[in-house]
Amino acid sequence: MIENRRSWALRDRLGFYACWAAGLALCAIAAAVAIYMLVKGVSELRPAMLFERPSDGVDQRGQGGLLDPIAGSLLVTTIGIAIALPLGVGVALWLVEYARPFWLARLVESGVEVIAGTPSIVLAVFGLILFSESFLSVLSFKPEGADTAFGRSFLIAGAMMSLIALPLIVGATREGLNAIPGHVREASYALGKTKAATIRRVLLPTVRPNIAAGTALGMGRIIGDTAIIVILLGATARLQPLEDVFGPAGPLRGTGSTLTSFVYNNSPAGEGGAFEKAYAAAFVLLLIVVVLNLVVARIAGGAARQGGR
């Protein structure tokens, strides 16, 4: 039986309509941003820009494209998620399934909350100070002949980016684990499975959609951050790989830019002066975020169906 809202108290009806208005306003704002970036981005983006490197220098008003910022965004996001995903899932599993000793669990929870509330600019400054130390110089950009490390590289930026994604992955995974009924664990134990086997074969497959959701949110935070990129990656338009004895891993010690720093540098607040390229880069960034979310959602959906079977 459907309840007639006319019988509700006035304040309840006002609250109901206020919730509807808030939801519609949020949809309108998101649609406005997407439509604006679509119109401006499509009008300024040329397909060739996706395969051309930016101009060498600060001024981007001449020829050049978005190849290096796109590669930088994908590289930093990959490094950050590769660190945050196993660490976040592991922390969530320990907090929900073990949490012993209690004082340590509370300390870990507080640490995750502190990281979640710390501005990215603070994390960037901390990373710059930490990775400028000599014992961590192997991870840093250090040109030939330089006496000290710069404390900047893709590895360092990705490592600090993982911190802003970590609380999202921990929170989503914990929510999924707490939603699993206790009798599911008890049934697994009754079949002779150990706690570790229950986690691996029952709990993790069940919370894969939650892990995927946290991962998608974490990737969105990483790919959209600018402060860490500017401070720990140098925000140079072109990638500057560091060729050294580390072979294929050497370029990870180089510096460069991402789409967010490229948009900032070419916005009215930056020095690039190429406003049309800023619109094009912002549109490409929006597309990448949408595609990443769709891919993660598809993977989560497939994992959930497989787990159901």
C-alpha atoms as a PDB file:
ATOM      1  CA  MET A   1       0.000   0.000   0.000  1.00  0.00           C
ATOM      2  CA  ILE A   2       1.421   3.358  -1.073  1.00  0.00           C
ATOM      3  CA  GLU A   3       1.231   5.999   1.639  1.00  0.00           C
ATOM      4  CA  ASN A   4      -0.439   9.259   0.593  1.00  0.00           C
ATOM      5  CA  ARG A   5       1.980  12.123   1.139  1.00  0.00           C
ATOM      6  CA  ARG A   6      -0.915  14.492   1.683  1.00  0.00           C
ATOM      7  CA  SER A   7      -1.430  12.872   5.073  1.00  0.00           C
ATOM      8  CA  TRP A   8       2.116  13.737   6.131  1.00  0.00           C
ATOM      9  CA  ALA A   9       2.873  16.578   8.480  1.00  0.00           C
ATOM     10  CA  LEU A  10       3.854  19.820   6.750  1.00  0.00           C
ATOM     11  CA  ARG A  11       7.474  19.682   7.881  1.00  0.00           C
ATOM     12  CA  ASP A  12       7.805  16.100   6.618  1.00  0.00           C
ATOM     13  CA  ARG A  13       6.496  17.101   3.203  1.00  0.00           C
ATOM     14  CA  LEU A  14       8.842  20.087   3.132  1.00  0.00           C
ATOM     15  CA  GLY A  15      11.760  17.817   4.008  1.00  0.00           C
ATOM     16  CA  PHE A  16      10.764  15.363   1.280  1.00  0.00           C
ATOM     17  CA  TYR A  17      10.565  18.059  -1.377  1.00  0.00           C
ATOM     18  CA  ALA A  18      13.832  19.596  -0.137  1.00  0.00           C
ATOM     19  CA  CYS A  19      15.580  16.256  -0.668  1.00  0.00           C
ATOM     20  CA  TRP A  20      14.170  16.060  -4.176  1.00  0.00           C
ATOM     21  CA  ALA A  21      15.303  19.631  -4.873  1.00  0.00           C
ATOM     22  CA  ALA A  22      18.796  18.904  -3.581  1.00  0.00           C
ATOM     23  CA  GLY A  23      19.095  15.823  -5.770  1.00  0.00           C
ATOM     24  CA  LEU A  24      17.838  17.637  -8.862  1.00  0.00           C
ATOM     25  CA  ALA A  25      20.176  20.572  -8.167  1.00  0.00           C
ATOM     26  CA  LEU A  26      23.137  18.220  -7.912  1.00  0.00           C
ATOM     27  CA  CYS A  27      22.193  16.581 -11.217  1.00  0.00           C
ATOM     28  CA  ALA A  28      21.803  19.999 -12.829  1.00  0.00           C
ATOM     29  CA  ILE A  29      25.227  21.151 -11.647  1.00  0.00           C
ATOM     30  CA  ALA A  30      26.906  17.951 -12.858  1.00  0.00           C
ATOM     31  CA  ALA A  31      25.104  18.213 -16.204  1.00  0.00           C
ATOM     32  CA  ALA A  32      26.097  21.863 -16.566  1.00  0.00           C
ATOM     33  CA  VAL A  33      29.758  21.080 -15.972  1.00  0.00           C
ATOM     34  CA  ALA A  34      29.698  18.125 -18.370  1.00  0.00           C
ATOM     35  CA  ILE A  35      27.852  20.039 -21.111  1.00  0.00           C
ATOM     36  CA  TYR A  36      30.075  23.101 -20.772  1.00  0.00           C
ATOM     37  CA  MET A  37      33.264  21.023 -20.988  1.00  0.00           C
ATOM     38  CA  LEU A  38      31.789  19.034 -23.855  1.00  0.00           C
ATOM     39  CA  VAL A  39      30.986  22.137 -25.891  1.00  0.00           C
ATOM     40  CA  LYS A  40      34.264  23.940 -25.163  1.00  0.00           C
ATOM     41  CA  GLY A  41      36.399  20.803 -25.349  1.00  0.00           C
ATOM     42  CA  VAL A  42      35.009  19.513 -28.639  1.00  0.00           C
ATOM     43  CA  SER A  43      35.365  22.944 -30.221  1.00  0.00           C
ATOM     44  CA  GLU A  44      39.029  23.247 -29.207  1.00  0.00           C
ATOM     45  CA  LEU A  45      40.243  19.638 -29.381  1.00  0.00           C
ATOM     46  CA  ARG A  46      41.886  18.376 -32.540  1.00  0.00           C
ATOM     47  CA  PRO A  47      42.531  14.613 -32.868  1.00  0.00           C
ATOM     48  CA  ALA A  48      46.168  15.335 -33.740  1.00  0.00           C
ATOM     49  CA  MET A  49      46.661  16.935 -30.306  1.00  0.00           C
ATOM     50  CA  LEU A  50      46.325  13.513 -28.683  1.00  0.00           C
ATOM     51  CA  PHE A  51      49.466  12.319 -30.482  1.00  0.00           C
ATOM     52  CA  GLU A  52      51.601  15.481 -30.405  1.00  0.00           C
ATOM     53  CA  ARG A  53      53.993  16.425 -27.637  1.00  0.00           C
ATOM     54  CA  PRO A  54      53.607  19.853 -25.982  1.00  0.00           C
ATOM     55  CA  SER A  55      55.876  22.710 -26.893  1.00  0.00           C
ATOM     56  CA  ASP A  56      59.223  22.697 -25.135  1.00  0.00           C
ATOM     57  CA  GLY A  57      58.914  25.566 -22.692  1.00  0.00           C
ATOM     58  CA  VAL A  58      56.376  27.459 -20.603  1.00  0.00           C
ATOM     59  CA  ASP A  59      54.583  29.209 -23.472  1.00  0.00           C
ATOM     60  CA  GLN A  60      52.158  26.746 -25.094  1.00  0.00           C
ATOM     61  CA  ARG A  61      50.472  29.132 -27.537  1.00  0.00           C
ATOM     62  CA  GLY A  62      52.267  27.644 -30.525  1.00  0.00           C
ATOM     63  CA  GLN A  63      52.184  24.138 -31.901  1.00  0.00           C
ATOM     64  CA  GLY A  64      51.990  21.123 -29.642  1.00  0.00           C
ATOM     65  CA  GLY A  65      49.546  18.665 -28.180  1.00  0.00           C
ATOM     66  CA  LEU A  66      48.631  16.728 -25.062  1.00  0.00           C
ATOM     67  CA  LEU A  67      50.562  13.483 -25.414  1.00  0.00           C
ATOM     68  CA  ASP A  68      52.946  13.990 -22.494  1.00  0.00           C
ATOM     69  CA  PRO A  69      50.297  15.189 -19.995  1.00  0.00           C
ATOM     70  CA  ILE A  70      48.052  12.247 -20.906  1.00  0.00           C
ATOM     71  CA  ALA A  71      50.921   9.790 -20.420  1.00  0.00           C
ATOM     72  CA  GLY A  72      51.856  11.476 -17.141  1.00  0.00           C
ATOM     73  CA  SER A  73      48.297  11.250 -15.819  1.00  0.00           C
ATOM     74  CA  LEU A  74      48.031   7.558 -16.620  1.00  0.00           C
ATOM     75  CA  LEU A  75      51.480   6.826 -15.183  1.00  0.00           C
ATOM     76  CA  VAL A  76      50.879   8.616 -11.868  1.00  0.00           C
ATOM     77  CA  THR A  77      47.426   7.056 -11.524  1.00  0.00           C
ATOM     78  CA  THR A  78      48.809   3.570 -12.175  1.00  0.00           C
ATOM     79  CA  ILE A  79      51.591   3.972  -9.614  1.00  0.00           C
ATOM     80  CA  GLY A  80      49.271   5.447  -6.986  1.00  0.00           C
ATOM     81  CA  ILE A  81      46.594   2.785  -7.334  1.00  0.00           C
ATOM     82  CA  ALA A  82      49.175  -0.028  -7.488  1.00  0.00           C
ATOM     83  CA  ILE A  83      50.331   1.071  -4.033  1.00  0.00           C
ATOM     84  CA  ALA A  84      47.000   2.083  -2.496  1.00  0.00           C
ATOM     85  CA  LEU A  85      44.888  -0.898  -3.607  1.00  0.00           C
ATOM     86  CA  PRO A  86      46.674  -3.790  -1.838  1.00  0.00           C
ATOM     87  CA  LEU A  87      47.508  -1.606   1.154  1.00  0.00           C
ATOM     88  CA  GLY A  88      43.953  -0.318   1.516  1.00  0.00           C
ATOM     89  CA  VAL A  89      42.348  -3.742   1.158  1.00  0.00           C
ATOM     90  CA  GLY A  90      44.829  -5.220   3.627  1.00  0.00           C
ATOM     91  CA  VAL A  91      44.171  -2.506   6.203  1.00  0.00           C
ATOM     92  CA  ALA A  92      40.402  -2.906   5.855  1.00  0.00           C
ATOM     93  CA  LEU A  93      40.610  -6.683   6.227  1.00  0.00           C
ATOM     94  CA  TRP A  94      42.740  -6.390   9.335  1.00  0.00           C
ATOM     95  CA  LEU A  95      40.484  -3.782  10.937  1.00  0.00           C
ATOM     96  CA  VAL A  96      37.287  -5.786  10.343  1.00  0.00           C
ATOM     97  CA  GLU A  97      38.456  -9.385  10.734  1.00  0.00           C
ATOM     98  CA  TYR A  98      41.222  -9.115  13.325  1.00  0.00           C
ATOM     99  CA  ALA A  99      41.593  -5.664  14.979  1.00  0.00           C
ATOM    100  CA  ARG A 100      43.909  -7.003  17.655  1.00  0.00           C
ATOM    101  CA  PRO A 101      45.392  -5.523  19.738  1.00  0.00           C
ATOM    102  CA  PHE A 102      42.575  -3.052  20.174  1.00  0.00           C
ATOM    103  CA  TRP A 103      44.795  -0.036  20.813  1.00  0.00           C
ATOM    104  CA  LEU A 104      46.669  -0.634  17.569  1.00  0.00           C
ATOM    105  CA  ALA A 105      43.421  -0.938  15.622  1.00  0.00           C
ATOM    106  CA  ARG A 106      42.234   2.388  17.029  1.00  0.00           C
ATOM    107  CA  LEU A 107      45.599   3.915  16.139  1.00  0.00           C
ATOM    108  CA  VAL A 108      45.341   2.650  12.558  1.00  0.00           C
ATOM    109  CA  GLU A 109      41.781   3.965  12.241  1.00  0.00           C
ATOM    110  CA  SER A 110      42.921   7.363  13.493  1.00  0.00           C
ATOM    111  CA  GLY A 111      45.806   7.328  11.042  1.00  0.00           C
ATOM    112  CA  VAL A 112      43.485   6.662   8.114  1.00  0.00           C
ATOM    113  CA  GLU A 113      41.182   9.472   9.254  1.00  0.00           C
ATOM    114  CA  VAL A 114      44.105  11.879   9.587  1.00  0.00           C
ATOM    115  CA  ILE A 115      45.323  11.068   6.082  1.00  0.00           C
ATOM    116  CA  ALA A 116      41.794  11.507   4.717  1.00  0.00           C
ATOM    117  CA  GLY A 117      41.570  14.978   6.254  1.00  0.00           C
ATOM    118  CA  THR A 118      45.060  16.171   5.344  1.00  0.00           C
ATOM    119  CA  PRO A 119      45.206  18.625   2.412  1.00  0.00           C
ATOM    120  CA  SER A 120      47.160  17.291  -0.555  1.00  0.00           C
ATOM    121  CA  ILE A 121      49.485  20.304  -0.464  1.00  0.00           C
ATOM    122  CA  VAL A 122      50.639  19.208   3.010  1.00  0.00           C
ATOM    123  CA  LEU A 123      51.275  15.675   1.748  1.00  0.00           C
ATOM    124  CA  ALA A 124      53.234  17.144  -1.169  1.00  0.00           C
ATOM    125  CA  VAL A 125      55.497  19.226   1.085  1.00  0.00           C
ATOM    126  CA  PHE A 126      56.031  16.235   3.392  1.00  0.00           C
ATOM    127  CA  GLY A 127      56.958  14.066   0.415  1.00  0.00           C
ATOM    128  CA  LEU A 128      59.373  16.680  -0.913  1.00  0.00           C
ATOM    129  CA  ILE A 129      61.174  16.889   2.424  1.00  0.00           C
ATOM    130  CA  LEU A 130      61.203  13.110   2.954  1.00  0.00           C
ATOM    131  CA  PHE A 131      62.410  12.068  -0.490  1.00  0.00           C
ATOM    132  CA  SER A 132      65.080  14.761  -0.613  1.00  0.00           C
ATOM    133  CA  GLU A 133      67.006  12.789   1.996  1.00  0.00           C
ATOM    134  CA  SER A 134      70.103  11.047   0.701  1.00  0.00           C
ATOM    135  CA  PHE A 135      69.004   7.524   1.666  1.00  0.00           C
ATOM    136  CA  LEU A 136      65.912   7.899  -0.573  1.00  0.00           C
ATOM    137  CA  SER A 137      67.671   9.652  -3.443  1.00  0.00           C
ATOM    138  CA  VAL A 138      67.480   6.458  -5.516  1.00  0.00           C
ATOM    139  CA  LEU A 139      63.784   7.237  -6.084  1.00  0.00           C
ATOM    140  CA  SER A 140      64.309  10.875  -6.956  1.00  0.00           C
ATOM    141  CA  PHE A 141      65.156  12.860 -10.070  1.00  0.00           C
ATOM    142  CA  LYS A 142      68.891  13.534  -9.886  1.00  0.00           C
ATOM    143  CA  PRO A 143      70.506  14.917 -13.052  1.00  0.00           C
ATOM    144  CA  GLU A 144      73.992  13.803 -13.946  1.00  0.00           C
ATOM    145  CA  GLY A 145      76.570  15.756 -11.984  1.00  0.00           C
ATOM    146  CA  ALA A 146      74.117  17.023  -9.340  1.00  0.00           C
ATOM    147  CA  ASP A 147      75.143  16.656  -5.703  1.00  0.00           C
ATOM    148  CA  THR A 148      71.679  16.335  -4.211  1.00  0.00           C
ATOM    149  CA  ALA A 149      68.385  14.746  -5.208  1.00  0.00           C
ATOM    150  CA  PHE A 150      65.493  17.002  -6.140  1.00  0.00           C
ATOM    151  CA  GLY A 151      62.879  14.958  -4.267  1.00  0.00           C
ATOM    152  CA  ARG A 152      60.762  14.825  -7.422  1.00  0.00           C
ATOM    153  CA  SER A 153      59.854  11.971  -9.752  1.00  0.00           C
ATOM    154  CA  PHE A 154      56.911   9.947 -11.007  1.00  0.00           C
ATOM    155  CA  LEU A 155      57.634   7.333  -8.343  1.00  0.00           C
ATOM    156  CA  ILE A 156      57.508   9.905  -5.551  1.00  0.00           C
ATOM    157  CA  ALA A 157      54.396  11.643  -6.906  1.00  0.00           C
ATOM    158  CA  GLY A 158      52.647   8.284  -7.307  1.00  0.00           C
ATOM    159  CA  ALA A 159      53.635   7.211  -3.786  1.00  0.00           C
ATOM    160  CA  MET A 160      52.179  10.370  -2.237  1.00  0.00           C
ATOM    161  CA  MET A 161      49.120  10.164  -4.493  1.00  0.00           C
ATOM    162  CA  SER A 162      48.446   6.708  -3.070  1.00  0.00           C
ATOM    163  CA  LEU A 163      47.818   8.348   0.310  1.00  0.00           C
ATOM    164  CA  ILE A 164      44.858  10.363  -0.961  1.00  0.00           C
ATOM    165  CA  ALA A 165      43.324   7.231  -2.507  1.00  0.00           C
ATOM    166  CA  LEU A 166      44.005   4.980   0.506  1.00  0.00           C
ATOM    167  CA  PRO A 167      41.169   6.200   2.804  1.00  0.00           C
ATOM    168  CA  LEU A 168      38.612   5.773   0.009  1.00  0.00           C
ATOM    169  CA  ILE A 169      39.637   2.174  -0.638  1.00  0.00           C
ATOM    170  CA  VAL A 170      39.767   1.373   3.082  1.00  0.00           C
ATOM    171  CA  GLY A 171      36.330   2.890   3.676  1.00  0.00           C
ATOM    172  CA  ALA A 172      34.631   1.151   0.746  1.00  0.00           C
ATOM    173  CA  THR A 173      36.176  -2.228   1.605  1.00  0.00           C
ATOM    174  CA  ARG A 174      35.255  -1.958   5.292  1.00  0.00           C
ATOM    175  CA  GLU A 175      31.691  -1.078   4.382  1.00  0.00           C
ATOM    176  CA  GLY A 176      31.427  -4.196   2.216  1.00  0.00           C
ATOM    177  CA  LEU A 177      32.959  -6.456   4.852  1.00  0.00           C
ATOM    178  CA  ASN A 178      30.691  -5.126   7.608  1.00  0.00           C
ATOM    179  CA  ALA A 179      27.657  -5.761   5.399  1.00  0.00           C
ATOM    180  CA  ILE A 180      28.422  -9.492   5.102  1.00  0.00           C
ATOM    181  CA  PRO A 181      26.239 -11.412   7.584  1.00  0.00           C
ATOM    182  CA  GLY A 182      28.043 -13.275  10.335  1.00  0.00           C
ATOM    183  CA  HIS A 183      26.471 -16.606   9.372  1.00  0.00           C
ATOM    184  CA  VAL A 184      28.422 -16.520   6.079  1.00  0.00           C
ATOM    185  CA  ARG A 185      31.677 -16.677   8.003  1.00  0.00           C
ATOM    186  CA  GLU A 186      30.274 -19.302  10.367  1.00  0.00           C
ATOM    187  CA  ALA A 187      29.208 -21.494   7.455  1.00  0.00           C
ATOM    188  CA  SER A 188      32.716 -21.350   6.047  1.00  0.00           C
ATOM    189  CA  TYR A 189      34.242 -22.273   9.401  1.00  0.00           C
ATOM    190  CA  ALA A 190      31.754 -25.153   9.715  1.00  0.00           C
ATOM    191  CA  LEU A 191      33.058 -26.557   6.437  1.00  0.00           C
ATOM    192  CA  GLY A 192      36.542 -26.663   7.884  1.00  0.00           C
ATOM    193  CA  LYS A 193      37.918 -23.515   6.262  1.00  0.00           C
ATOM    194  CA  THR A 194      40.449 -21.479   8.180  1.00  0.00           C
ATOM    195  CA  LYS A 195      40.025 -17.759   8.711  1.00  0.00           C
ATOM    196  CA  ALA A 196      42.621 -17.013   6.040  1.00  0.00           C
ATOM    197  CA  ALA A 197      40.861 -19.333   3.561  1.00  0.00           C
ATOM    198  CA  THR A 198      37.505 -17.738   4.413  1.00  0.00           C
ATOM    199  CA  ILE A 199      38.914 -14.303   3.702  1.00  0.00           C
ATOM    200  CA  ARG A 200      40.472 -15.406   0.426  1.00  0.00           C
ATOM    201  CA  ARG A 201      37.653 -17.563  -0.951  1.00  0.00           C
ATOM    202  CA  VAL A 202      34.495 -16.038   0.553  1.00  0.00           C
ATOM    203  CA  LEU A 203      34.920 -12.488   1.806  1.00  0.00           C
ATOM    204  CA  LEU A 204      37.167 -10.993  -0.873  1.00  0.00           C
ATOM    205  CA  PRO A 205      35.052 -12.238  -3.812  1.00  0.00           C
ATOM    206  CA  THR A 206      31.950 -10.873  -2.080  1.00  0.00           C
ATOM    207  CA  VAL A 207      33.354  -7.367  -1.566  1.00  0.00           C
ATOM    208  CA  ARG A 208      34.929  -7.000  -5.004  1.00  0.00           C
ATOM    209  CA  PRO A 209      32.269  -4.477  -6.090  1.00  0.00           C
ATOM    210  CA  ASN A 210      33.059  -2.393  -2.993  1.00  0.00           C
ATOM    211  CA  ILE A 211      36.777  -2.614  -3.677  1.00  0.00           C
ATOM    212  CA  ALA A 212      36.150  -1.572  -7.271  1.00  0.00           C
ATOM    213  CA  ALA A 213      34.052   1.388  -6.135  1.00  0.00           C
ATOM    214  CA  GLY A 214      36.780   2.545  -3.752  1.00  0.00           C
ATOM    215  CA  THR A 215      39.372   2.084  -6.474  1.00  0.00           C
ATOM    216  CA  ALA A 216      37.342   4.177  -8.919  1.00  0.00           C
ATOM    217  CA  LEU A 217      36.966   6.950  -6.353  1.00  0.00           C
ATOM    218  CA  GLY A 218      40.679   6.755  -5.576  1.00  0.00           C
ATOM    219  CA  MET A 219      41.619   7.010  -9.240  1.00  0.00           C
ATOM    220  CA  GLY A 220      39.359  10.027  -9.571  1.00  0.00           C
ATOM    221  CA  ARG A 221      41.110  11.717  -6.652  1.00  0.00           C
ATOM    222  CA  ILE A 222      44.552  10.904  -8.013  1.00  0.00           C
ATOM    223  CA  ILE A 223      43.941  11.941 -11.585  1.00  0.00           C
ATOM    224  CA  GLY A 224      42.277  15.167 -10.456  1.00  0.00           C
ATOM    225  CA  ASP A 225      44.880  16.388  -7.968  1.00  0.00           C
ATOM    226  CA  THR A 226      47.197  19.271  -8.865  1.00  0.00           C
ATOM    227  CA  ALA A 227      49.122  20.279  -5.736  1.00  0.00           C
ATOM    228  CA  ILE A 228      51.131  17.061  -5.477  1.00  0.00           C
ATOM    229  CA  ILE A 229      51.899  17.169  -9.205  1.00  0.00           C
ATOM    230  CA  VAL A 230      53.179  20.748  -9.163  1.00  0.00           C
ATOM    231  CA  ILE A 231      55.428  20.172  -6.149  1.00  0.00           C
ATOM    232  CA  LEU A 232      56.592  16.579  -6.633  1.00  0.00           C
ATOM    233  CA  LEU A 233      56.598  16.273 -10.417  1.00  0.00           C
ATOM    234  CA  GLY A 234      57.791  19.700 -11.478  1.00  0.00           C
ATOM    235  CA  ALA A 235      54.800  20.284 -13.815  1.00  0.00           C
ATOM    236  CA  THR A 236      57.028  20.680 -16.853  1.00  0.00           C
ATOM    237  CA  ALA A 237      55.015  20.397 -20.063  1.00  0.00           C
ATOM    238  CA  ARG A 238      57.167  17.598 -21.454  1.00  0.00           C
ATOM    239  CA  LEU A 239      58.228  14.398 -19.748  1.00  0.00           C
ATOM    240  CA  GLN A 240      61.864  14.429 -18.723  1.00  0.00           C
ATOM    241  CA  PRO A 241      62.938  10.804 -18.244  1.00  0.00           C
ATOM    242  CA  LEU A 242      66.108  10.015 -16.350  1.00  0.00           C
ATOM    243  CA  GLU A 243      68.079   7.412 -18.259  1.00  0.00           C
ATOM    244  CA  ASP A 244      70.330   5.491 -15.894  1.00  0.00           C
ATOM    245  CA  VAL A 245      71.385   2.053 -14.760  1.00  0.00           C
ATOM    246  CA  PHE A 246      67.838   1.163 -13.719  1.00  0.00           C
ATOM    247  CA  GLY A 247      66.918   0.552 -17.363  1.00  0.00           C
ATOM    248  CA  PRO A 248      63.155   0.461 -17.962  1.00  0.00           C
ATOM    249  CA  ALA A 249      62.510   1.783 -14.447  1.00  0.00           C
ATOM    250  CA  GLY A 250      64.730   4.790 -15.066  1.00  0.00           C
ATOM    251  CA  PRO A 251      62.008   6.968 -16.653  1.00  0.00           C
ATOM    252  CA  LEU A 252      59.935   6.560 -13.482  1.00  0.00           C
ATOM    253  CA  ARG A 253      62.568   8.702 -11.772  1.00  0.00           C
ATOM    254  CA  GLY A 254      61.968  11.465 -14.297  1.00  0.00           C
ATOM    255  CA  THR A 255      59.684  14.488 -14.059  1.00  0.00           C
ATOM    256  CA  GLY A 256      56.876  15.834 -16.201  1.00  0.00           C
ATOM    257  CA  SER A 257      53.238  16.896 -16.061  1.00  0.00           C
ATOM    258  CA  THR A 258      49.697  15.600 -15.967  1.00  0.00           C
ATOM    259  CA  LEU A 259      46.498  16.893 -17.510  1.00  0.00           C
ATOM    260  CA  THR A 260      45.569  18.764 -14.327  1.00  0.00           C
ATOM    261  CA  SER A 261      48.851  20.669 -14.163  1.00  0.00           C
ATOM    262  CA  PHE A 262      48.653  21.312 -17.920  1.00  0.00           C
ATOM    263  CA  VAL A 263      45.156  22.780 -17.503  1.00  0.00           C
ATOM    264  CA  TYR A 264      46.367  24.970 -14.627  1.00  0.00           C
ATOM    265  CA  ASN A 265      49.432  26.215 -16.486  1.00  0.00           C
ATOM    266  CA  ASN A 266      47.342  27.189 -19.514  1.00  0.00           C
ATOM    267  CA  SER A 267      44.446  28.694 -17.567  1.00  0.00           C
ATOM    268  CA  PRO A 268      44.251  32.449 -16.890  1.00  0.00           C
ATOM    269  CA  ALA A 269      46.080  31.772 -13.596  1.00  0.00           C
ATOM    270  CA  GLY A 270      49.027  30.067 -15.327  1.00  0.00           C
ATOM    271  CA  GLU A 271      51.811  31.137 -17.678  1.00  0.00           C
ATOM    272  CA  GLY A 272      51.138  28.918 -20.677  1.00  0.00           C
ATOM    273  CA  GLY A 273      48.711  31.333 -22.278  1.00  0.00           C
ATOM    274  CA  ALA A 274      46.959  28.675 -24.394  1.00  0.00           C
ATOM    275  CA  PHE A 275      43.390  28.825 -23.103  1.00  0.00           C
ATOM    276  CA  GLU A 276      42.078  26.658 -25.922  1.00  0.00           C
ATOM    277  CA  LYS A 277      44.507  23.882 -24.976  1.00  0.00           C
ATOM    278  CA  ALA A 278      43.347  24.143 -21.361  1.00  0.00           C
ATOM    279  CA  TYR A 279      39.764  23.486 -22.462  1.00  0.00           C
ATOM    280  CA  ALA A 280      40.864  20.586 -24.654  1.00  0.00           C
ATOM    281  CA  ALA A 281      42.953  19.042 -21.849  1.00  0.00           C
ATOM    282  CA  ALA A 282      40.093  19.415 -19.357  1.00  0.00           C
ATOM    283  CA  PHE A 283      37.754  17.645 -21.778  1.00  0.00           C
ATOM    284  CA  VAL A 284      40.227  14.786 -22.257  1.00  0.00           C
ATOM    285  CA  LEU A 285      40.648  14.549 -18.469  1.00  0.00           C
ATOM    286  CA  LEU A 286      36.888  14.279 -18.028  1.00  0.00           C
ATOM    287  CA  LEU A 287      36.721  11.543 -20.656  1.00  0.00           C
ATOM    288  CA  ILE A 288      39.518   9.562 -19.004  1.00  0.00           C
ATOM    289  CA  VAL A 289      37.775   9.718 -15.615  1.00  0.00           C
ATOM    290  CA  VAL A 290      34.493   8.547 -17.148  1.00  0.00           C
ATOM    291  CA  VAL A 291      36.186   5.695 -19.031  1.00  0.00           C
ATOM    292  CA  LEU A 292      38.112   4.563 -15.928  1.00  0.00           C
ATOM    293  CA  ASN A 293      34.907   4.496 -13.893  1.00  0.00           C
ATOM    294  CA  LEU A 294      33.092   2.505 -16.594  1.00  0.00           C
ATOM    295  CA  VAL A 295      35.938  -0.006 -16.815  1.00  0.00           C
ATOM    296  CA  VAL A 296      36.081  -0.486 -13.041  1.00  0.00           C
ATOM    297  CA  ALA A 297      32.278  -0.814 -12.874  1.00  0.00           C
ATOM    298  CA  ARG A 298      32.375  -3.433 -15.637  1.00  0.00           C
ATOM    299  CA  ILE A 299      35.069  -5.393 -13.833  1.00  0.00           C
ATOM    300  CA  ALA A 300      33.137  -5.186 -10.559  1.00  0.00           C
ATOM    301  CA  GLY A 301      29.939  -6.311 -12.241  1.00  0.00           C
ATOM    302  CA  GLY A 302      31.667  -9.281 -13.841  1.00  0.00           C
ATOM    303  CA  ALA A 303      33.290 -10.221 -10.555  1.00  0.00           C
ATOM    304  CA  ALA A 304      29.977 -10.000  -8.718  1.00  0.00           C
ATOM    305  CA  ARG A 305      28.230 -12.236 -11.266  1.00  0.00           C
ATOM    306  CA  GLN A 306      31.067 -14.746 -11.148  1.00  0.00           C
ATOM    307  CA  GLY A 307      30.942 -14.765  -7.354  1.00  0.00           C
ATOM    308  CA  GLY A 308      27.181 -15.319  -7.462  1.00  0.00           C
ATOM    309  CA  ARG A 309      27.597 -18.346  -9.649  1.00  0.00           C
END
